[in-house]
C-alpha atoms as a PDB file:
ATOM      1  CA  MET A   1      -5.544 -26.499  29.398  1.00  0.00           C
ATOM      2  CA  GLY A   2      -8.574 -24.165  30.177  1.00  0.00           C
ATOM      3  CA  THR A   3     -11.645 -23.756  27.798  1.00  0.00           C
ATOM      4  CA  LEU A   4     -12.134 -20.509  26.075  1.00  0.00           C
ATOM      5  CA  GLY A   5     -14.985 -18.329  27.470  1.00  0.00           C
ATOM      6  CA  ALA A   6     -17.203 -16.040  25.413  1.00  0.00           C
ATOM      7  CA  ASN A   7     -14.914 -13.099  26.036  1.00  0.00           C
ATOM      8  CA  ASP A   8     -11.934 -15.138  24.822  1.00  0.00           C
ATOM      9  CA  LEU A   9     -13.805 -16.012  21.587  1.00  0.00           C
ATOM     10  CA  ASP A  10     -14.790 -12.360  21.228  1.00  0.00           C
ATOM     11  CA  GLU A  11     -11.127 -11.334  21.704  1.00  0.00           C
ATOM     12  CA  THR A  12     -10.019 -13.879  19.060  1.00  0.00           C
ATOM     13  CA  ALA A  13     -12.533 -12.622  16.642  1.00  0.00           C
ATOM     14  CA  CYS A  14     -11.331  -9.073  17.119  1.00  0.00           C
ATOM     15  CA  GLN A  15      -7.813  -9.961  16.743  1.00  0.00           C
ATOM     16  CA  HIS A  16      -8.708 -11.830  13.571  1.00  0.00           C
ATOM     17  CA  VAL A  17     -10.484  -8.610  12.301  1.00  0.00           C
ATOM     18  CA  GLN A  18      -7.617  -6.377  13.379  1.00  0.00           C
ATOM     19  CA  GLU A  19      -5.072  -8.616  11.544  1.00  0.00           C
ATOM     20  CA  ARG A  20      -7.116  -8.332   8.201  1.00  0.00           C
ATOM     21  CA  VAL A  21      -8.442  -4.870   8.411  1.00  0.00           C
ATOM     22  CA  HIS A  22      -6.156  -3.607   5.787  1.00  0.00           C
ATOM     23  CA  LEU A  23      -6.838  -6.509   3.467  1.00  0.00           C
ATOM     24  CA  PHE A  24     -10.556  -5.752   3.933  1.00  0.00           C
ATOM     25  CA  LEU A  25     -10.097  -1.960   3.202  1.00  0.00           C
ATOM     26  CA  ASP A  26      -8.107  -2.763   0.211  1.00  0.00           C
ATOM     27  CA  GLN A  27     -10.699  -5.338  -0.929  1.00  0.00           C
ATOM     28  CA  GLU A  28      -8.121  -8.019  -1.181  1.00  0.00           C
ATOM     29  CA  LEU A  29     -10.339 -10.555   0.645  1.00  0.00           C
ATOM     30  CA  ASP A  30     -12.697 -13.008  -1.018  1.00  0.00           C
ATOM     31  CA  GLU A  31     -16.287 -12.302  -0.551  1.00  0.00           C
ATOM     32  CA  ASP A  32     -16.905 -14.907   2.265  1.00  0.00           C
ATOM     33  CA  ALA A  33     -13.890 -13.529   4.317  1.00  0.00           C
ATOM     34  CA  ALA A  34     -15.107  -9.880   3.726  1.00  0.00           C
ATOM     35  CA  ASP A  35     -18.645 -10.898   4.942  1.00  0.00           C
ATOM     36  CA  GLU A  36     -17.190 -12.479   7.999  1.00  0.00           C
ATOM     37  CA  ILE A  37     -15.493  -9.115   8.833  1.00  0.00           C
ATOM     38  CA  ARG A  38     -18.593  -7.116   8.104  1.00  0.00           C
ATOM     39  CA  ARG A  39     -20.657  -9.267  10.442  1.00  0.00           C
ATOM     40  CA  HIS A  40     -18.284  -9.017  13.301  1.00  0.00           C
ATOM     41  CA  VAL A  41     -17.768  -5.084  12.735  1.00  0.00           C
ATOM     42  CA  VAL A  42     -21.575  -4.649  12.853  1.00  0.00           C
ATOM     43  CA  ALA A  43     -21.838  -6.527  16.205  1.00  0.00           C
ATOM     44  CA  CYS A  44     -18.535  -5.258  17.690  1.00  0.00           C
ATOM     45  CA  GLU A  45     -18.320  -1.661  18.869  1.00  0.00           C
ATOM     46  CA  ARG A  46     -14.755  -1.685  19.388  1.00  0.00           C
ATOM     47  CA  CYS A  47     -13.920  -3.004  15.911  1.00  0.00           C
ATOM     48  CA  THR A  48     -16.378  -0.631  14.330  1.00  0.00           C
ATOM     49  CA  ASP A  49     -14.464   2.189  16.044  1.00  0.00           C
ATOM     50  CA  GLU A  50     -11.090   0.907  14.943  1.00  0.00           C
ATOM     51  CA  LEU A  51     -12.275   0.339  11.291  1.00  0.00           C
ATOM     52  CA  ASN A  52     -13.666   3.938  11.387  1.00  0.00           C
ATOM     53  CA  VAL A  53     -10.203   5.185  12.516  1.00  0.00           C
ATOM     54  CA  TRP A  54      -8.445   3.497   9.707  1.00  0.00           C
ATOM     55  CA  ILE A  55     -10.958   4.640   7.123  1.00  0.00           C
ATOM     56  CA  THR A  56     -10.540   8.210   8.417  1.00  0.00           C
ATOM     57  CA  LEU A  57      -6.761   7.990   8.443  1.00  0.00           C
ATOM     58  CA  ARG A  58      -6.626   6.658   4.888  1.00  0.00           C
ATOM     59  CA  ARG A  59      -8.974   9.599   3.737  1.00  0.00           C
ATOM     60  CA  LEU A  60      -6.731  12.086   5.505  1.00  0.00           C
ATOM     61  CA  LEU A  61      -3.590  10.644   3.950  1.00  0.00           C
ATOM     62  CA  LYS A  62      -5.145  10.594   0.472  1.00  0.00           C
ATOM     63  CA  ARG A  63      -6.232  14.213   0.846  1.00  0.00           C
ATOM     64  CA  ALA A  64      -2.810  15.255   2.088  1.00  0.00           C
ATOM     65  CA  HIS A  65      -1.000  13.606  -0.706  1.00  0.00           C
ATOM     66  CA  HIS A  66       0.126  16.127  -3.197  1.00  0.00           C
ATOM     67  CA  PRO A  67       1.988  14.459  -6.240  1.00  0.00           C
ATOM     68  CA  THR A  68       4.948  16.325  -7.507  1.00  0.00           C
ATOM     69  CA  SER A  69       6.804  16.088 -10.742  1.00  0.00           C
ATOM     70  CA  ALA A  70      10.419  16.279 -11.744  1.00  0.00           C
ATOM     71  CA  PRO A  71      11.722  19.629 -12.852  1.00  0.00           C
ATOM     72  CA  GLU A  72      11.491  19.896 -16.722  1.00  0.00           C
ATOM     73  CA  ALA A  73      15.182  20.096 -17.078  1.00  0.00           C
ATOM     74  CA  LEU A  74      15.710  16.811 -15.432  1.00  0.00           C
ATOM     75  CA  ILE A  75      13.126  15.156 -17.374  1.00  0.00           C
ATOM     76  CA  ARG A  76      14.944  16.346 -20.621  1.00  0.00           C
ATOM     77  CA  ARG A  77      18.409  15.104 -19.412  1.00  0.00           C
ATOM     78  CA  ILE A  78      16.925  11.598 -18.479  1.00  0.00           C
ATOM     79  CA  ALA A  79      15.238  11.438 -21.816  1.00  0.00           C
ATOM     80  CA  ASP A  80      18.372  12.542 -23.786  1.00  0.00           C
ATOM     81  CA  GLN A  81      20.507   9.965 -21.826  1.00  0.00           C
ATOM     82  CA  ILE A  82      17.884   7.295 -22.590  1.00  0.00           C
ATOM     83  CA  GLN A  83      18.045   8.282 -26.292  1.00  0.00           C
ATOM     84  CA  GLN A  84      21.860   8.211 -26.156  1.00  0.00           C
ATOM     85  CA  ALA A  85      21.763   4.751 -24.565  1.00  0.00           C
ATOM     86  CA  ASP A  86      19.422   3.596 -27.355  1.00  0.00           C
ATOM     87  CA  GLU A  87      21.638   4.978 -30.012  1.00  0.00           C
ATOM     88  CA  ASP A  88      24.637   3.295 -28.436  1.00  0.00           C
ATOM     89  CA  GLY A  89      22.890  -0.067 -28.068  1.00  0.00           C
ATOM     90  CA  LEU A  90      22.876  -0.012 -24.123  1.00  0.00           C
ATOM     91  CA  ALA A  91      19.156   0.295 -23.573  1.00  0.00           C
ATOM     92  CA  ASP A  92      18.556  -3.417 -23.850  1.00  0.00           C
ATOM     93  CA  CYS A  93      21.567  -4.559 -21.804  1.00  0.00           C
ATOM     94  CA  PRO A  94      20.991  -4.298 -18.111  1.00  0.00           C
ATOM     95  CA  HIS A  95      24.542  -5.437 -17.417  1.00  0.00           C
ATOM     96  CA  GLU A  96      25.806  -2.264 -19.050  1.00  0.00           C
ATOM     97  CA  VAL A  97      23.890  -0.027 -16.622  1.00  0.00           C
ATOM     98  CA  ALA A  98      26.979   0.589 -14.413  1.00  0.00           C
ATOM     99  CA  ALA A  99      28.577   2.205 -17.418  1.00  0.00           C
ATOM    100  CA  PHE A 100      25.705   4.633 -17.804  1.00  0.00           C
ATOM    101  CA  PRO A 101      26.733   8.114 -16.523  1.00  0.00           C
ATOM    102  CA  ALA A 102      24.912   9.195 -13.391  1.00  0.00           C
ATOM    103  CA  ILE A 103      22.667  12.083 -13.508  1.00  0.00           C
ATOM    104  CA  PRO A 104      23.880  14.750 -11.248  1.00  0.00           C
ATOM    105  CA  VAL A 105      21.012  16.291  -8.994  1.00  0.00           C
ATOM    106  CA  THR A 106      21.155  20.037  -8.650  1.00  0.00           C
END
């Protein structure tokens, strides 16, 4: 078994960052793990570039996201069916869902 050279250690560190980049961006890492990634990214141009690509992609996706809402008629039909289920005593009975009529999509 060979020993790891400096390039192998760098590659391992890069791989570690790449595996955790989304956790880092979502702020799901503890502070020590996030600091480890920050230190590596500051020192590694390749990982800096990759992190910037993910940041840019996330910004573009966020800008492109246009939430839509259901048509008012559909919302009313669903609300009416929920109210009817409450009146019939079905709202608290998940096993009764199969008996609940399907909402036709027009």
